[in-house]
Amino acid sequence: MKDFEKKLARLETIAESMRDQNLPLEDAFSLFQEGVRLAQALRRELALLEGKVELLANSIEAGPDEAPKFEDIDALDNTDIEESSDIDGN
């Protein structure tokens, strides 16, 4: 989770830096590219966590015999998550 927080903090720093009207265009573009990559990585991590929460929430309703094992939930870390090419989800 600390990695997520570091990425989010960096994205916030980038956003703040890009508000500087004196920032050269080339630097702004580099920051924009980095921000896009960070936003995509953060979206993937959030989707993964959302899947884990959903599995755990469903296990409460399913009962102890049908509940997924924690190993199954941790295995989600190794699955591919569909990426959207659109940063804001539209």
N, C-alpha and C. Protein backbone atom coordinates (compact mmCIF):
# COMPACT_ATOMS: atom_id res chain seq x y z
N MET A 1 0.82 -1.19 0.00
CA MET A 1 0.00 0.00 0.00
C MET A 1 0.87 1.26 0.00
N LYS A 2 2.07 1.16 0.54
CA LYS A 2 2.94 2.34 0.55
C LYS A 2 3.33 2.75 -0.86
N ASP A 3 3.48 1.76 -1.75
CA ASP A 3 3.81 2.06 -3.14
C ASP A 3 2.69 2.88 -3.78
N PHE A 4 1.45 2.51 -3.49
CA PHE A 4 0.30 3.25 -4.00
C PHE A 4 0.34 4.69 -3.50
N GLU A 5 0.60 4.84 -2.22
CA GLU A 5 0.64 6.18 -1.63
C GLU A 5 1.77 7.03 -2.22
N LYS A 6 2.91 6.40 -2.50
CA LYS A 6 4.01 7.13 -3.13
C LYS A 6 3.64 7.58 -4.53
N LYS A 7 3.00 6.69 -5.28
CA LYS A 7 2.59 7.05 -6.64
C LYS A 7 1.57 8.17 -6.61
N LEU A 8 0.62 8.09 -5.70
CA LEU A 8 -0.40 9.13 -5.60
C LEU A 8 0.22 10.47 -5.21
N ALA A 9 1.16 10.45 -4.28
CA ALA A 9 1.83 11.69 -3.87
C ALA A 9 2.61 12.28 -5.04
N ARG A 10 3.27 11.43 -5.82
CA ARG A 10 4.02 11.91 -6.98
C ARG A 10 3.06 12.53 -8.01
N LEU A 11 1.91 11.88 -8.23
CA LEU A 11 0.93 12.40 -9.16
C LEU A 11 0.43 13.77 -8.71
N GLU A 12 0.22 13.94 -7.43
CA GLU A 12 -0.20 15.23 -6.89
C GLU A 12 0.88 16.29 -7.10
N THR A 13 2.13 15.90 -6.91
CA THR A 13 3.25 16.82 -7.14
C THR A 13 3.31 17.24 -8.60
N ILE A 14 3.11 16.28 -9.48
CA ILE A 14 3.13 16.58 -10.92
C ILE A 14 2.02 17.55 -11.26
N ALA A 15 0.83 17.29 -10.74
CA ALA A 15 -0.31 18.18 -11.02
C ALA A 15 -0.02 19.60 -10.55
N GLU A 16 0.57 19.72 -9.39
CA GLU A 16 0.91 21.04 -8.86
C GLU A 16 1.97 21.71 -9.74
N SER A 17 2.98 20.96 -10.16
CA SER A 17 4.04 21.52 -11.00
C SER A 17 3.50 22.00 -12.33
N MET A 18 2.53 21.29 -12.87
CA MET A 18 1.99 21.65 -14.18
C MET A 18 1.13 22.90 -14.13
N ARG A 19 0.75 23.33 -12.95
CA ARG A 19 -0.02 24.58 -12.81
C ARG A 19 0.87 25.82 -12.98
N ASP A 20 2.18 25.61 -12.93
CA ASP A 20 3.12 26.72 -13.08
C ASP A 20 3.12 27.18 -14.54
N GLN A 21 2.67 28.39 -14.77
CA GLN A 21 2.56 28.91 -16.13
C GLN A 21 3.93 29.16 -16.77
N ASN A 22 4.98 29.17 -15.96
CA ASN A 22 6.32 29.40 -16.49
C ASN A 22 7.05 28.10 -16.83
N LEU A 23 6.38 26.98 -16.65
CA LEU A 23 6.98 25.68 -16.95
C LEU A 23 7.14 25.53 -18.46
N PRO A 24 8.37 25.25 -18.91
CA PRO A 24 8.58 25.07 -20.35
C PRO A 24 7.71 23.93 -20.90
N LEU A 25 7.30 24.07 -22.14
CA LEU A 25 6.39 23.10 -22.76
C LEU A 25 6.97 21.69 -22.73
N GLU A 26 8.23 21.55 -23.03
CA GLU A 26 8.85 20.22 -23.04
C GLU A 26 8.81 19.59 -21.65
N ASP A 27 9.08 20.37 -20.63
CA ASP A 27 9.01 19.85 -19.25
C ASP A 27 7.57 19.49 -18.88
N ALA A 28 6.63 20.32 -19.29
CA ALA A 28 5.22 20.05 -19.01
C ALA A 28 4.79 18.75 -19.68
N PHE A 29 5.24 18.54 -20.90
CA PHE A 29 4.88 17.32 -21.61
C PHE A 29 5.47 16.09 -20.93
N SER A 30 6.73 16.19 -20.50
CA SER A 30 7.35 15.07 -19.78
C SER A 30 6.60 14.74 -18.49
N LEU A 31 6.22 15.79 -17.77
CA LEU A 31 5.45 15.58 -16.55
C LEU A 31 4.08 14.97 -16.86
N PHE A 32 3.47 15.43 -17.94
CA PHE A 32 2.18 14.88 -18.35
C PHE A 32 2.29 13.39 -18.64
N GLN A 33 3.33 12.99 -19.38
CA GLN A 33 3.54 11.57 -19.68
C GLN A 33 3.71 10.76 -18.40
N GLU A 34 4.51 11.26 -17.50
CA GLU A 34 4.72 10.56 -16.24
C GLU A 34 3.40 10.46 -15.47
N GLY A 35 2.64 11.52 -15.48
CA GLY A 35 1.35 11.53 -14.79
C GLY A 35 0.38 10.51 -15.37
N VAL A 36 0.37 10.38 -16.68
CA VAL A 36 -0.50 9.40 -17.34
C VAL A 36 -0.10 7.99 -16.91
N ARG A 37 1.19 7.71 -16.92
CA ARG A 37 1.65 6.38 -16.51
C ARG A 37 1.28 6.10 -15.05
N LEU A 38 1.47 7.09 -14.19
CA LEU A 38 1.10 6.92 -12.79
C LEU A 38 -0.40 6.69 -12.61
N ALA A 39 -1.19 7.47 -13.33
CA ALA A 39 -2.65 7.34 -13.23
C ALA A 39 -3.09 5.94 -13.68
N GLN A 40 -2.49 5.42 -14.73
CA GLN A 40 -2.83 4.08 -15.20
C GLN A 40 -2.45 3.02 -14.17
N ALA A 41 -1.27 3.17 -13.58
CA ALA A 41 -0.83 2.21 -12.56
C ALA A 41 -1.74 2.27 -11.33
N LEU A 42 -2.11 3.47 -10.93
CA LEU A 42 -3.01 3.62 -9.79
C LEU A 42 -4.37 3.02 -10.07
N ARG A 43 -4.86 3.20 -11.27
CA ARG A 43 -6.16 2.62 -11.65
C ARG A 43 -6.09 1.09 -11.58
N ARG A 44 -5.00 0.50 -12.06
CA ARG A 44 -4.86 -0.97 -12.00
C ARG A 44 -4.84 -1.44 -10.55
N GLU A 45 -4.10 -0.74 -9.71
CA GLU A 45 -4.03 -1.14 -8.30
C GLU A 45 -5.38 -1.01 -7.62
N LEU A 46 -6.12 0.04 -7.92
CA LEU A 46 -7.46 0.21 -7.34
C LEU A 46 -8.40 -0.89 -7.80
N ALA A 47 -8.33 -1.26 -9.07
CA ALA A 47 -9.18 -2.32 -9.60
C ALA A 47 -8.86 -3.65 -8.91
N LEU A 48 -7.60 -3.90 -8.67
CA LEU A 48 -7.19 -5.12 -7.98
C LEU A 48 -7.74 -5.14 -6.56
N LEU A 49 -7.60 -4.05 -5.86
CA LEU A 49 -8.12 -3.97 -4.50
C LEU A 49 -9.63 -4.09 -4.47
N GLU A 50 -10.28 -3.49 -5.45
CA GLU A 50 -11.74 -3.58 -5.53
C GLU A 50 -12.18 -5.04 -5.70
N GLY A 51 -11.46 -5.78 -6.53
CA GLY A 51 -11.76 -7.20 -6.72
C GLY A 51 -11.60 -7.99 -5.44
N LYS A 52 -10.55 -7.68 -4.69
CA LYS A 52 -10.33 -8.37 -3.41
C LYS A 52 -11.44 -8.06 -2.42
N VAL A 53 -11.82 -6.80 -2.35
CA VAL A 53 -12.90 -6.40 -1.43
C VAL A 53 -14.19 -7.11 -1.81
N GLU A 54 -14.47 -7.17 -3.11
CA GLU A 54 -15.69 -7.83 -3.58
C GLU A 54 -15.69 -9.31 -3.20
N LEU A 55 -14.54 -9.98 -3.39
CA LEU A 55 -14.45 -11.39 -3.00
C LEU A 55 -14.69 -11.57 -1.51
N LEU A 56 -14.09 -10.72 -0.72
CA LEU A 56 -14.27 -10.84 0.73
C LEU A 56 -15.70 -10.54 1.14
N ALA A 57 -16.30 -9.52 0.54
CA ALA A 57 -17.68 -9.18 0.86
C ALA A 57 -18.62 -10.32 0.46
N ASN A 58 -18.38 -10.92 -0.69
CA ASN A 58 -19.22 -12.04 -1.14
C ASN A 58 -19.04 -13.25 -0.25
N SER A 59 -17.86 -13.40 0.33
CA SER A 59 -17.61 -14.56 1.19
C SER A 59 -18.42 -14.47 2.47
N ILE A 60 -18.74 -13.27 2.90
CA ILE A 60 -19.57 -13.10 4.09
C ILE A 60 -20.96 -13.65 3.81
N GLU A 61 -21.48 -13.35 2.63
CA GLU A 61 -22.81 -13.81 2.25
C GLU A 61 -22.83 -15.29 1.93
N ALA A 62 -21.72 -15.83 1.41
CA ALA A 62 -21.68 -17.22 0.97
C ALA A 62 -21.63 -18.20 2.13
N GLY A 63 -21.07 -17.80 3.22
CA GLY A 63 -20.92 -18.71 4.35
C GLY A 63 -19.55 -19.36 4.34
N PRO A 64 -19.19 -20.02 5.43
CA PRO A 64 -17.82 -20.53 5.59
C PRO A 64 -17.45 -21.64 4.61
N ASP A 65 -18.41 -22.44 4.17
CA ASP A 65 -18.08 -23.55 3.27
C ASP A 65 -17.79 -23.09 1.85
N GLU A 66 -18.34 -21.96 1.44
CA GLU A 66 -18.18 -21.47 0.08
C GLU A 66 -17.22 -20.29 -0.02
N ALA A 67 -16.72 -19.82 1.09
CA ALA A 67 -15.85 -18.64 1.10
C ALA A 67 -14.53 -18.95 0.40
N PRO A 68 -14.02 -17.98 -0.37
CA PRO A 68 -12.72 -18.20 -1.01
C PRO A 68 -11.61 -18.23 0.03
N LYS A 69 -10.57 -18.96 -0.29
CA LYS A 69 -9.41 -19.01 0.60
C LYS A 69 -8.59 -17.74 0.39
N PHE A 70 -7.87 -17.34 1.42
CA PHE A 70 -7.05 -16.14 1.29
C PHE A 70 -5.99 -16.30 0.21
N GLU A 71 -5.56 -17.54 -0.03
CA GLU A 71 -4.59 -17.77 -1.10
C GLU A 71 -5.20 -17.41 -2.45
N ASP A 72 -6.52 -17.70 -2.61
CA ASP A 72 -7.20 -17.36 -3.85
C ASP A 72 -7.26 -15.84 -4.04
N ILE A 73 -7.49 -15.15 -2.96
CA ILE A 73 -7.57 -13.69 -3.03
C ILE A 73 -6.19 -13.10 -3.34
N ASP A 74 -5.16 -13.64 -2.69
CA ASP A 74 -3.80 -13.15 -2.94
C ASP A 74 -3.35 -13.47 -4.36
N ALA A 75 -3.91 -14.53 -4.96
CA ALA A 75 -3.55 -14.88 -6.33
C ALA A 75 -4.00 -13.82 -7.32
N LEU A 76 -4.95 -13.00 -6.93
CA LEU A 76 -5.39 -11.90 -7.81
C LEU A 76 -4.25 -10.95 -8.12
N ASP A 77 -3.26 -10.87 -7.24
CA ASP A 77 -2.12 -9.98 -7.49
C ASP A 77 -1.39 -10.36 -8.76
N ASN A 78 -1.51 -11.60 -9.19
CA ASN A 78 -0.78 -12.08 -10.35
C ASN A 78 -1.62 -12.12 -11.61
N THR A 79 -2.84 -11.60 -11.55
CA THR A 79 -3.69 -11.61 -12.74
C THR A 79 -3.60 -10.28 -13.46
N ASP A 80 -3.87 -10.33 -14.74
CA ASP A 80 -3.90 -9.11 -15.54
C ASP A 80 -5.24 -8.42 -15.36
N ILE A 81 -5.20 -7.12 -15.27
CA ILE A 81 -6.41 -6.31 -15.15
C ILE A 81 -6.53 -5.52 -16.43
N GLU A 82 -7.74 -5.53 -17.00
CA GLU A 82 -7.96 -4.77 -18.22
C GLU A 82 -7.67 -3.30 -17.97
N GLU A 83 -6.94 -2.71 -18.91
CA GLU A 83 -6.63 -1.29 -18.82
C GLU A 83 -7.50 -0.53 -19.78
N SER A 84 -7.89 0.62 -19.37
CA SER A 84 -8.60 1.54 -20.24
C SER A 84 -7.58 2.53 -20.78
N SER A 85 -7.69 2.86 -22.04
CA SER A 85 -6.76 3.84 -22.59
C SER A 85 -7.15 5.25 -22.18
N ASP A 86 -8.30 5.38 -21.56
CA ASP A 86 -8.82 6.68 -21.16
C ASP A 86 -8.57 6.88 -19.66
N ILE A 87 -7.83 7.89 -19.30
CA ILE A 87 -7.44 8.11 -17.92
C ILE A 87 -8.62 8.34 -17.01
N ASP A 88 -9.58 9.12 -17.42
CA ASP A 88 -10.67 9.46 -16.50
C ASP A 88 -11.85 8.51 -16.57
N GLY A 89 -11.70 7.40 -17.31
CA GLY A 89 -12.72 6.38 -17.34
C GLY A 89 -13.88 6.68 -18.26
N ASN A 90 -13.82 7.71 -19.05
CA ASN A 90 -14.91 8.04 -19.99
C ASN A 90 -14.64 7.41 -21.35
